[in-house]
Amino acid sequence: MSTSPRCGARTRSGAVCRAPAVHGKARCRMHGGARRSGAPRGNRNARKHGLFTGDAASERKQVRDLLDEARKMLRDLS
């Protein structure tokens, strides 16, 4: 056990983790060496808030165009 490779990840205190690394991995079980640890493949959560829907994008474009026209009109009045 004492000769096995160490994790090496930084802990909250800033010290190096001294736990043994999982066999075949560079980190211990608490720092990402456990099976199926980490984020899932792909980013399906990015679309849950509706920011990337077509309706929201077209609405943002309309607002942006309206603001551009208003700024241009104010510039012409000055």
Protein backbone atom coordinates (compact mmCIF):
# COMPACT_ATOMS: atom_id res chain seq x y z
CA MET A 1 0.00 0.00 0.00
CA SER A 2 2.74 2.49 0.83
CA THR A 3 4.49 1.93 -2.52
CA SER A 4 1.38 2.48 -4.65
CA PRO A 5 1.17 5.72 -6.67
CA ARG A 6 -0.56 8.63 -4.95
CA CYS A 7 -3.48 10.68 -6.19
CA GLY A 8 -1.77 14.07 -6.33
CA ALA A 9 -4.97 16.15 -6.55
CA ARG A 10 -5.12 19.30 -4.46
CA THR A 11 -7.36 19.26 -1.41
CA ARG A 12 -9.39 22.21 -0.11
CA SER A 13 -6.53 23.18 2.17
CA GLY A 14 -4.16 23.28 -0.79
CA ALA A 15 -2.20 20.21 0.24
CA VAL A 16 -1.64 17.25 -2.06
CA CYS A 17 -4.02 14.31 -1.63
CA ARG A 18 -2.12 11.38 -0.16
CA ALA A 19 -4.70 8.68 -0.93
CA PRO A 20 -3.59 5.87 -3.24
CA ALA A 21 -4.63 6.22 -6.88
CA VAL A 22 -7.18 3.78 -8.27
CA HIS A 23 -5.57 0.94 -10.24
CA GLY A 24 -5.04 2.12 -13.81
CA LYS A 25 -5.95 5.74 -13.07
CA ALA A 26 -4.08 8.81 -11.87
CA ARG A 27 -6.54 9.85 -9.14
CA CYS A 28 -8.02 8.33 -6.01
CA ARG A 29 -11.66 7.29 -5.72
CA MET A 30 -12.62 10.64 -4.20
CA HIS A 31 -10.97 12.76 -6.91
CA GLY A 32 -12.27 11.14 -10.06
CA GLY A 33 -10.74 7.69 -10.16
CA ALA A 34 -13.94 5.86 -9.28
CA ARG A 35 -15.89 4.11 -12.02
CA ARG A 36 -18.41 6.29 -13.82
CA SER A 37 -17.24 9.42 -12.01
CA GLY A 38 -17.26 12.82 -13.68
CA ALA A 39 -19.70 14.62 -15.90
CA PRO A 40 -21.89 12.69 -18.35
CA ARG A 41 -20.96 12.63 -22.03
CA GLY A 42 -22.43 15.52 -23.98
CA ASN A 43 -24.04 18.56 -22.46
CA ARG A 44 -27.78 17.98 -22.45
CA ASN A 45 -28.27 20.38 -19.52
CA ALA A 46 -27.25 23.41 -21.60
CA ARG A 47 -30.60 23.50 -23.37
CA LYS A 48 -32.91 23.18 -20.37
CA HIS A 49 -33.32 26.91 -19.80
CA GLY A 50 -34.56 27.68 -23.33
CA LEU A 51 -31.78 30.12 -24.22
CA PHE A 52 -31.02 28.28 -27.46
CA THR A 53 -34.54 27.77 -28.78
CA GLY A 54 -35.40 29.35 -32.11
CA ASP A 55 -38.14 31.52 -30.63
CA ALA A 56 -35.86 32.98 -27.98
CA ALA A 57 -33.10 33.64 -30.49
CA SER A 58 -35.43 35.41 -32.92
CA GLU A 59 -36.92 37.49 -30.09
CA ARG A 60 -33.44 38.56 -28.96
CA LYS A 61 -32.61 39.56 -32.54
CA GLN A 62 -35.76 41.68 -32.78
CA VAL A 63 -34.94 43.44 -29.50
CA ARG A 64 -31.37 44.03 -30.65
CA ASP A 65 -32.58 45.50 -33.97
CA LEU A 66 -35.06 47.75 -32.16
CA LEU A 67 -32.34 49.03 -29.83
CA ASP A 68 -30.02 49.67 -32.78
CA GLU A 69 -32.73 51.72 -34.50
CA ALA A 70 -33.39 53.71 -31.32
CA ARG A 71 -29.68 54.45 -30.88
CA LYS A 72 -29.40 55.55 -34.50
CA MET A 73 -32.43 57.83 -34.10
CA LEU A 74 -30.94 59.40 -30.95
CA ARG A 75 -27.64 59.92 -32.74
CA ASP A 76 -29.40 61.66 -35.63
CA LEU A 77 -31.27 63.98 -33.23
CA SER A 78 -28.09 65.11 -31.51
